[in-house]
Amino acid sequence: MIKYAAPDAQCTIQLDITDTTAELHAINPLSDTRHTTPATSSKLGILGIQERTHALGGTTTTKHTNHQWILHTTLPLTPNNAKDKP
C-alpha cells in the first residue's frame, strides 16, 4: 500500500475469521503517479505472498481496476490433512 497508494490515501484492510478460514482483503486507491521505479521494485512481493499462502494451503489473488488495487488472501485455519486424522 505504501508503494502504490497516494500518500494521503485511505486504505482498507479487512480481516474476516471463521472457525475454518481467515480471509484478508486489502484495498487501496491507485495513485495518479507510481511511487516505485524498476530500480526500487523487484515485483517479487506479491509472488512471495502467493507462494507462502499456497504453502499453507491458501490462495492469494490480486487485481486492479482503474481506481483500486485489491489483494484477497484466504488461509485455512486447520492443517490440510486434519480431516484424515482420527
PDB file of N, CA and C in Angstrom:
ATOM      1  N   MET A   1       0.817  -1.184   0.000  1.00  0.00           N
ATOM      2  CA  MET A   1       0.000   0.000   0.000  1.00  0.00           C
ATOM      3  C   MET A   1       0.866   1.255   0.000  1.00  0.00           C
ATOM      4  N   ILE A   2       1.931   1.198   0.739  1.00  0.00           N
ATOM      5  CA  ILE A   2       2.796   2.370   0.832  1.00  0.00           C
ATOM      6  C   ILE A   2       3.424   2.680  -0.523  1.00  0.00           C
ATOM      7  N   LYS A   3       3.760   1.653  -1.285  1.00  0.00           N
ATOM      8  CA  LYS A   3       4.396   1.879  -2.585  1.00  0.00           C
ATOM      9  C   LYS A   3       3.437   2.429  -3.627  1.00  0.00           C
ATOM     10  N   TYR A   4       2.192   1.995  -3.622  1.00  0.00           N
ATOM     11  CA  TYR A   4       1.324   2.256  -4.750  1.00  0.00           C
ATOM     12  C   TYR A   4       0.192   3.249  -4.502  1.00  0.00           C
ATOM     13  N   ALA A   5      -0.177   3.468  -3.266  1.00  0.00           N
ATOM     14  CA  ALA A   5      -1.251   4.415  -2.984  1.00  0.00           C
ATOM     15  C   ALA A   5      -0.681   5.820  -2.848  1.00  0.00           C
ATOM     16  N   ALA A   6      -1.533   6.795  -3.058  1.00  0.00           N
ATOM     17  CA  ALA A   6      -1.125   8.179  -2.824  1.00  0.00           C
ATOM     18  C   ALA A   6      -0.818   8.357  -1.336  1.00  0.00           C
ATOM     19  N   PRO A   7       0.097   9.258  -0.994  1.00  0.00           N
ATOM     20  CA  PRO A   7       0.487   9.423   0.413  1.00  0.00           C
ATOM     21  C   PRO A   7      -0.681   9.707   1.360  1.00  0.00           C
ATOM     22  N   ASP A   8      -1.716  10.382   0.895  1.00  0.00           N
ATOM     23  CA  ASP A   8      -2.853  10.723   1.757  1.00  0.00           C
ATOM     24  C   ASP A   8      -4.055   9.802   1.539  1.00  0.00           C
ATOM     25  N   ALA A   9      -3.865   8.693   0.846  1.00  0.00           N
ATOM     26  CA  ALA A   9      -4.963   7.784   0.518  1.00  0.00           C
ATOM     27  C   ALA A   9      -5.481   7.058   1.751  1.00  0.00           C
ATOM     28  N   GLN A  10      -6.768   6.812   1.768  1.00  0.00           N
ATOM     29  CA  GLN A  10      -7.364   5.989   2.806  1.00  0.00           C
ATOM     30  C   GLN A  10      -7.443   4.561   2.278  1.00  0.00           C
ATOM     31  N   CYS A  11      -6.699   3.673   2.915  1.00  0.00           N
ATOM     32  CA  CYS A  11      -6.645   2.273   2.512  1.00  0.00           C
ATOM     33  C   CYS A  11      -7.504   1.452   3.460  1.00  0.00           C
ATOM     34  N   THR A  12      -7.977   0.327   2.971  1.00  0.00           N
ATOM     35  CA  THR A  12      -8.847  -0.539   3.770  1.00  0.00           C
ATOM     36  C   THR A  12      -8.189  -1.898   3.937  1.00  0.00           C
ATOM     37  N   ILE A  13      -8.163  -2.363   5.170  1.00  0.00           N
ATOM     38  CA  ILE A  13      -7.726  -3.720   5.465  1.00  0.00           C
ATOM     39  C   ILE A  13      -8.852  -4.370   6.250  1.00  0.00           C
ATOM     40  N   GLN A  14      -9.375  -5.478   5.728  1.00  0.00           N
ATOM     41  CA  GLN A  14     -10.473  -6.186   6.375  1.00  0.00           C
ATOM     42  C   GLN A  14     -10.053  -7.621   6.610  1.00  0.00           C
ATOM     43  N   LEU A  15     -10.196  -8.087   7.831  1.00  0.00           N
ATOM     44  CA  LEU A  15      -9.861  -9.460   8.187  1.00  0.00           C
ATOM     45  C   LEU A  15     -11.112 -10.130   8.728  1.00  0.00           C
ATOM     46  N   ASP A  16     -11.515 -11.212   8.072  1.00  0.00           N
ATOM     47  CA  ASP A  16     -12.680 -11.985   8.496  1.00  0.00           C
ATOM     48  C   ASP A  16     -12.197 -13.372   8.905  1.00  0.00           C
ATOM     49  N   ILE A  17     -12.554 -13.789  10.112  1.00  0.00           N
ATOM     50  CA  ILE A  17     -12.118 -15.083  10.621  1.00  0.00           C
ATOM     51  C   ILE A  17     -13.334 -15.913  10.991  1.00  0.00           C
ATOM     52  N   THR A  18     -13.352 -17.155  10.481  1.00  0.00           N
ATOM     53  CA  THR A  18     -14.390 -18.114  10.861  1.00  0.00           C
ATOM     54  C   THR A  18     -13.698 -19.263  11.581  1.00  0.00           C
ATOM     55  N   ASP A  19     -14.439 -20.307  11.879  1.00  0.00           N
ATOM     56  CA  ASP A  19     -13.840 -21.477  12.516  1.00  0.00           C
ATOM     57  C   ASP A  19     -12.814 -22.162  11.625  1.00  0.00           C
ATOM     58  N   THR A  20     -12.957 -22.004  10.303  1.00  0.00           N
ATOM     59  CA  THR A  20     -12.103 -22.757   9.386  1.00  0.00           C
ATOM     60  C   THR A  20     -11.175 -21.923   8.513  1.00  0.00           C
ATOM     61  N   THR A  21     -11.464 -20.633   8.342  1.00  0.00           N
ATOM     62  CA  THR A  21     -10.642 -19.817   7.448  1.00  0.00           C
ATOM     63  C   THR A  21     -10.410 -18.410   7.992  1.00  0.00           C
ATOM     64  N   ALA A  22      -9.348 -17.821   7.493  1.00  0.00           N
ATOM     65  CA  ALA A  22      -9.083 -16.400   7.692  1.00  0.00           C
ATOM     66  C   ALA A  22      -9.016 -15.777   6.306  1.00  0.00           C
ATOM     67  N   GLU A  23      -9.754 -14.686   6.107  1.00  0.00           N
ATOM     68  CA  GLU A  23      -9.774 -14.000   4.816  1.00  0.00           C
ATOM     69  C   GLU A  23      -9.316 -12.573   5.011  1.00  0.00           C
ATOM     70  N   LEU A  24      -8.397 -12.152   4.172  1.00  0.00           N
ATOM     71  CA  LEU A  24      -7.876 -10.796   4.221  1.00  0.00           C
ATOM     72  C   LEU A  24      -8.175 -10.099   2.914  1.00  0.00           C
ATOM     73  N   HIS A  25      -8.754  -8.898   3.018  1.00  0.00           N
ATOM     74  CA  HIS A  25      -8.937  -8.026   1.861  1.00  0.00           C
ATOM     75  C   HIS A  25      -8.135  -6.753   2.152  1.00  0.00           C
ATOM     76  N   ALA A  26      -7.275  -6.388   1.239  1.00  0.00           N
ATOM     77  CA  ALA A  26      -6.529  -5.136   1.340  1.00  0.00           C
ATOM     78  C   ALA A  26      -6.832  -4.345   0.073  1.00  0.00           C
ATOM     79  N   ILE A  27      -7.359  -3.151   0.254  1.00  0.00           N
ATOM     80  CA  ILE A  27      -7.801  -2.341  -0.881  1.00  0.00           C
ATOM     81  C   ILE A  27      -7.212  -0.945  -0.735  1.00  0.00           C
ATOM     82  N   ASN A  28      -6.611  -0.460  -1.787  1.00  0.00           N
ATOM     83  CA  ASN A  28      -6.164   0.924  -1.764  1.00  0.00           C
ATOM     84  C   ASN A  28      -6.403   1.577  -3.119  1.00  0.00           C
ATOM     85  N   PRO A  29      -6.704   2.868  -3.077  1.00  0.00           N
ATOM     86  CA  PRO A  29      -6.854   3.575  -4.345  1.00  0.00           C
ATOM     87  C   PRO A  29      -5.495   3.694  -5.014  1.00  0.00           C
ATOM     88  N   LEU A  30      -5.488   3.611  -6.332  1.00  0.00           N
ATOM     89  CA  LEU A  30      -4.241   3.760  -7.063  1.00  0.00           C
ATOM     90  C   LEU A  30      -3.874   5.236  -7.159  1.00  0.00           C
ATOM     91  N   SER A  31      -2.607   5.501  -7.048  1.00  0.00           N
ATOM     92  CA  SER A  31      -2.102   6.862  -7.164  1.00  0.00           C
ATOM     93  C   SER A  31      -2.060   7.271  -8.631  1.00  0.00           C
ATOM     94  N   ASP A  32      -2.162   8.569  -8.871  1.00  0.00           N
ATOM     95  CA  ASP A  32      -2.009   9.071 -10.238  1.00  0.00           C
ATOM     96  C   ASP A  32      -0.577   8.878 -10.728  1.00  0.00           C
ATOM     97  N   THR A  33       0.354   8.888  -9.780  1.00  0.00           N
ATOM     98  CA  THR A  33       1.752   8.655 -10.124  1.00  0.00           C
ATOM     99  C   THR A  33       2.267   7.509  -9.286  1.00  0.00           C
ATOM    100  N   ARG A  34       3.074   6.643  -9.860  1.00  0.00           N
ATOM    101  CA  ARG A  34       3.618   5.498  -9.130  1.00  0.00           C
ATOM    102  C   ARG A  34       4.787   5.951  -8.282  1.00  0.00           C
ATOM    103  N   HIS A  35       4.898   5.355  -7.116  1.00  0.00           N
ATOM    104  CA  HIS A  35       5.974   5.676  -6.192  1.00  0.00           C
ATOM    105  C   HIS A  35       7.159   4.728  -6.351  1.00  0.00           C
ATOM    106  N   THR A  36       7.089   3.818  -7.301  1.00  0.00           N
ATOM    107  CA  THR A  36       8.184   2.873  -7.491  1.00  0.00           C
ATOM    108  C   THR A  36       8.735   3.010  -8.896  1.00  0.00           C
ATOM    109  N   THR A  37       9.926   2.557  -9.049  1.00  0.00           N
ATOM    110  CA  THR A  37      10.573   2.508 -10.352  1.00  0.00           C
ATOM    111  C   THR A  37      11.142   1.106 -10.494  1.00  0.00           C
ATOM    112  N   PRO A  38      11.563   0.713 -11.666  1.00  0.00           N
ATOM    113  CA  PRO A  38      12.183  -0.618 -11.788  1.00  0.00           C
ATOM    114  C   PRO A  38      13.357  -0.794 -10.827  1.00  0.00           C
ATOM    115  N   ALA A  39      14.025   0.293 -10.467  1.00  0.00           N
ATOM    116  CA  ALA A  39      15.162   0.191  -9.544  1.00  0.00           C
ATOM    117  C   ALA A  39      14.728  -0.027  -8.103  1.00  0.00           C
ATOM    118  N   THR A  40      13.490   0.363  -7.744  1.00  0.00           N
ATOM    119  CA  THR A  40      13.050   0.237  -6.348  1.00  0.00           C
ATOM    120  C   THR A  40      12.050  -0.876  -6.117  1.00  0.00           C
ATOM    121  N   SER A  41      11.613  -1.563  -7.165  1.00  0.00           N
ATOM    122  CA  SER A  41      10.639  -2.629  -7.011  1.00  0.00           C
ATOM    123  C   SER A  41      11.088  -3.873  -7.759  1.00  0.00           C
ATOM    124  N   SER A  42      11.207  -4.966  -7.029  1.00  0.00           N
ATOM    125  CA  SER A  42      11.572  -6.236  -7.660  1.00  0.00           C
ATOM    126  C   SER A  42      10.355  -6.941  -8.247  1.00  0.00           C
ATOM    127  N   LYS A  43       9.164  -6.503  -7.862  1.00  0.00           N
ATOM    128  CA  LYS A  43       7.896  -7.126  -8.261  1.00  0.00           C
ATOM    129  C   LYS A  43       7.786  -8.553  -7.738  1.00  0.00           C
ATOM    130  N   LEU A  44       8.572  -8.880  -6.728  1.00  0.00           N
ATOM    131  CA  LEU A  44       8.523 -10.223  -6.151  1.00  0.00           C
ATOM    132  C   LEU A  44       7.707 -10.274  -4.868  1.00  0.00           C
ATOM    133  N   GLY A  45       7.254  -9.144  -4.369  1.00  0.00           N
ATOM    134  CA  GLY A  45       6.491  -9.115  -3.129  1.00  0.00           C
ATOM    135  C   GLY A  45       5.208  -9.924  -3.214  1.00  0.00           C
ATOM    136  N   ILE A  46       4.425  -9.694  -4.245  1.00  0.00           N
ATOM    137  CA  ILE A  46       3.167 -10.424  -4.416  1.00  0.00           C
ATOM    138  C   ILE A  46       3.450 -11.895  -4.685  1.00  0.00           C
ATOM    139  N   LEU A  47       4.440 -12.189  -5.500  1.00  0.00           N
ATOM    140  CA  LEU A  47       4.796 -13.577  -5.762  1.00  0.00           C
ATOM    141  C   LEU A  47       5.167 -14.285  -4.465  1.00  0.00           C
ATOM    142  N   GLY A  48       5.919 -13.621  -3.603  1.00  0.00           N
ATOM    143  CA  GLY A  48       6.288 -14.207  -2.310  1.00  0.00           C
ATOM    144  C   GLY A  48       5.075 -14.455  -1.428  1.00  0.00           C
ATOM    145  N   ILE A  49       4.139 -13.508  -1.419  1.00  0.00           N
ATOM    146  CA  ILE A  49       2.905 -13.691  -0.646  1.00  0.00           C
ATOM    147  C   ILE A  49       2.131 -14.887  -1.186  1.00  0.00           C
ATOM    148  N   GLN A  50       2.019 -14.980  -2.503  1.00  0.00           N
ATOM    149  CA  GLN A  50       1.288 -16.092  -3.112  1.00  0.00           C
ATOM    150  C   GLN A  50       1.953 -17.431  -2.796  1.00  0.00           C
ATOM    151  N   GLU A  51       3.266 -17.487  -2.843  1.00  0.00           N
ATOM    152  CA  GLU A  51       3.969 -18.736  -2.551  1.00  0.00           C
ATOM    153  C   GLU A  51       3.791 -19.152  -1.096  1.00  0.00           C
ATOM    154  N   ARG A  52       3.900 -18.208  -0.165  1.00  0.00           N
ATOM    155  CA  ARG A  52       3.727 -18.545   1.253  1.00  0.00           C
ATOM    156  C   ARG A  52       2.288 -18.954   1.549  1.00  0.00           C
ATOM    157  N   THR A  53       1.334 -18.262   0.928  1.00  0.00           N
ATOM    158  CA  THR A  53      -0.073 -18.616   1.109  1.00  0.00           C
ATOM    159  C   THR A  53      -0.347 -20.025   0.594  1.00  0.00           C
ATOM    160  N   HIS A  54       0.153 -20.321  -0.598  1.00  0.00           N
ATOM    161  CA  HIS A  54      -0.045 -21.652  -1.194  1.00  0.00           C
ATOM    162  C   HIS A  54       0.579 -22.738  -0.314  1.00  0.00           C
ATOM    163  N   ALA A  55       1.751 -22.459   0.250  1.00  0.00           N
ATOM    164  CA  ALA A  55       2.426 -23.441   1.115  1.00  0.00           C
ATOM    165  C   ALA A  55       1.591 -23.756   2.352  1.00  0.00           C
ATOM    166  N   LEU A  56       0.739 -22.818   2.757  1.00  0.00           N
ATOM    167  CA  LEU A  56      -0.133 -23.029   3.912  1.00  0.00           C
ATOM    168  C   LEU A  56      -1.510 -23.545   3.514  1.00  0.00           C
ATOM    169  N   GLY A  57      -1.698 -23.841   2.222  1.00  0.00           N
ATOM    170  CA  GLY A  57      -2.974 -24.381   1.754  1.00  0.00           C
ATOM    171  C   GLY A  57      -3.993 -23.325   1.382  1.00  0.00           C
ATOM    172  N   GLY A  58      -3.572 -22.081   1.233  1.00  0.00           N
ATOM    173  CA  GLY A  58      -4.497 -21.000   0.920  1.00  0.00           C
ATOM    174  C   GLY A  58      -4.289 -20.447  -0.474  1.00  0.00           C
ATOM    175  N   THR A  59      -4.952 -19.330  -0.736  1.00  0.00           N
ATOM    176  CA  THR A  59      -4.847 -18.670  -2.031  1.00  0.00           C
ATOM    177  C   THR A  59      -4.688 -17.167  -1.829  1.00  0.00           C
ATOM    178  N   THR A  60      -4.002 -16.551  -2.769  1.00  0.00           N
ATOM    179  CA  THR A  60      -3.913 -15.092  -2.825  1.00  0.00           C
ATOM    180  C   THR A  60      -4.136 -14.662  -4.259  1.00  0.00           C
ATOM    181  N   THR A  61      -5.029 -13.705  -4.443  1.00  0.00           N
ATOM    182  CA  THR A  61      -5.259 -13.133  -5.761  1.00  0.00           C
ATOM    183  C   THR A  61      -5.134 -11.621  -5.660  1.00  0.00           C
ATOM    184  N   THR A  62      -4.757 -11.025  -6.763  1.00  0.00           N
ATOM    185  CA  THR A  62      -4.702  -9.564  -6.840  1.00  0.00           C
ATOM    186  C   THR A  62      -5.392  -9.129  -8.115  1.00  0.00           C
ATOM    187  N   LYS A  63      -5.917  -7.945  -8.076  1.00  0.00           N
ATOM    188  CA  LYS A  63      -6.483  -7.350  -9.282  1.00  0.00           C
ATOM    189  C   LYS A  63      -6.489  -5.843  -9.094  1.00  0.00           C
ATOM    190  N   HIS A  64      -6.620  -5.160 -10.186  1.00  0.00           N
ATOM    191  CA  HIS A  64      -6.769  -3.717 -10.089  1.00  0.00           C
ATOM    192  C   HIS A  64      -7.784  -3.245 -11.107  1.00  0.00           C
ATOM    193  N   THR A  65      -8.460  -2.200 -10.708  1.00  0.00           N
ATOM    194  CA  THR A  65      -9.383  -1.531 -11.598  1.00  0.00           C
ATOM    195  C   THR A  65      -8.694  -0.229 -12.000  1.00  0.00           C
ATOM    196  N   ASN A  66      -9.418   0.642 -12.623  1.00  0.00           N
ATOM    197  CA  ASN A  66      -8.834   1.941 -12.965  1.00  0.00           C
ATOM    198  C   ASN A  66      -8.515   2.762 -11.716  1.00  0.00           C
ATOM    199  N   HIS A  67      -9.166   2.443 -10.602  1.00  0.00           N
ATOM    200  CA  HIS A  67      -9.025   3.293  -9.423  1.00  0.00           C
ATOM    201  C   HIS A  67      -8.557   2.566  -8.170  1.00  0.00           C
ATOM    202  N   GLN A  68      -8.594   1.235  -8.150  1.00  0.00           N
ATOM    203  CA  GLN A  68      -8.264   0.497  -6.933  1.00  0.00           C
ATOM    204  C   GLN A  68      -7.349  -0.681  -7.226  1.00  0.00           C
ATOM    205  N   TRP A  69      -6.568  -1.007  -6.218  1.00  0.00           N
ATOM    206  CA  TRP A  69      -5.760  -2.219  -6.227  1.00  0.00           C
ATOM    207  C   TRP A  69      -6.283  -3.085  -5.097  1.00  0.00           C
ATOM    208  N   ILE A  70      -6.541  -4.374  -5.368  1.00  0.00           N
ATOM    209  CA  ILE A  70      -7.194  -5.258  -4.399  1.00  0.00           C
ATOM    210  C   ILE A  70      -6.393  -6.543  -4.241  1.00  0.00           C
ATOM    211  N   LEU A  71      -6.099  -6.891  -3.004  1.00  0.00           N
ATOM    212  CA  LEU A  71      -5.453  -8.165  -2.682  1.00  0.00           C
ATOM    213  C   LEU A  71      -6.440  -8.955  -1.827  1.00  0.00           C
ATOM    214  N   HIS A  72      -6.626 -10.228  -2.161  1.00  0.00           N
ATOM    215  CA  HIS A  72      -7.517 -11.097  -1.398  1.00  0.00           C
ATOM    216  C   HIS A  72      -6.763 -12.378  -1.068  1.00  0.00           C
ATOM    217  N   THR A  73      -6.645 -12.680   0.204  1.00  0.00           N
ATOM    218  CA  THR A  73      -5.966 -13.885   0.665  1.00  0.00           C
ATOM    219  C   THR A  73      -6.909 -14.692   1.538  1.00  0.00           C
ATOM    220  N   THR A  74      -6.945 -15.994   1.313  1.00  0.00           N
ATOM    221  CA  THR A  74      -7.712 -16.908   2.155  1.00  0.00           C
ATOM    222  C   THR A  74      -6.760 -17.976   2.677  1.00  0.00           C
ATOM    223  N   LEU A  75      -6.782 -18.192   3.980  1.00  0.00           N
ATOM    224  CA  LEU A  75      -5.951 -19.213   4.614  1.00  0.00           C
ATOM    225  C   LEU A  75      -6.809 -20.158   5.429  1.00  0.00           C
ATOM    226  N   PRO A  76      -6.559 -21.461   5.322  1.00  0.00           N
ATOM    227  CA  PRO A  76      -7.274 -22.391   6.192  1.00  0.00           C
ATOM    228  C   PRO A  76      -6.702 -22.286   7.605  1.00  0.00           C
ATOM    229  N   LEU A  77      -7.559 -22.462   8.584  1.00  0.00           N
ATOM    230  CA  LEU A  77      -7.114 -22.404   9.978  1.00  0.00           C
ATOM    231  C   LEU A  77      -6.906 -23.779  10.574  1.00  0.00           C
ATOM    232  N   THR A  78      -7.033 -24.797   9.731  1.00  0.00           N
ATOM    233  CA  THR A  78      -6.743 -26.169  10.148  1.00  0.00           C
ATOM    234  C   THR A  78      -5.758 -26.748   9.148  1.00  0.00           C
ATOM    235  N   PRO A  79      -4.904 -27.643   9.571  1.00  0.00           N
ATOM    236  CA  PRO A  79      -3.965 -28.252   8.631  1.00  0.00           C
ATOM    237  C   PRO A  79      -4.698 -28.951   7.488  1.00  0.00           C
ATOM    238  N   ASN A  80      -4.083 -28.982   6.326  1.00  0.00           N
ATOM    239  CA  ASN A  80      -4.692 -29.626   5.145  1.00  0.00           C
ATOM    240  C   ASN A  80      -5.084 -31.062   5.397  1.00  0.00           C
ATOM    241  N   ASN A  81      -4.325 -31.775   6.221  1.00  0.00           N
ATOM    242  CA  ASN A  81      -4.613 -33.179   6.424  1.00  0.00           C
ATOM    243  C   ASN A  81      -5.378 -33.460   7.722  1.00  0.00           C
ATOM    244  N   ALA A  82      -5.940 -32.430   8.326  1.00  0.00           N
ATOM    245  CA  ALA A  82      -6.659 -32.630   9.584  1.00  0.00           C
ATOM    246  C   ALA A  82      -7.840 -33.556   9.408  1.00  0.00           C
ATOM    247  N   LYS A  83      -8.499 -33.517   8.260  1.00  0.00           N
ATOM    248  CA  LYS A  83      -9.671 -34.387   8.060  1.00  0.00           C
ATOM    249  C   LYS A  83      -9.276 -35.847   7.969  1.00  0.00           C
ATOM    250  N   ASP A  84      -7.990 -36.135   7.667  1.00  0.00           N
ATOM    251  CA  ASP A  84      -7.530 -37.513   7.564  1.00  0.00           C
ATOM    252  C   ASP A  84      -7.135 -38.105   8.910  1.00  0.00           C
ATOM    253  N   LYS A  85      -7.037 -37.279   9.910  1.00  0.00           N
ATOM    254  CA  LYS A  85      -6.629 -37.759  11.249  1.00  0.00           C
ATOM    255  C   LYS A  85      -7.841 -38.258  12.011  1.00  0.00           C
ATOM    256  N   PRO A  86      -7.674 -39.246  12.872  1.00  0.00           N
ATOM    257  CA  PRO A  86      -8.805 -39.758  13.662  1.00  0.00           C
ATOM    258  C   PRO A  86      -9.254 -38.763  14.707  1.00  0.00           C
TER     259      PRO A  86
END
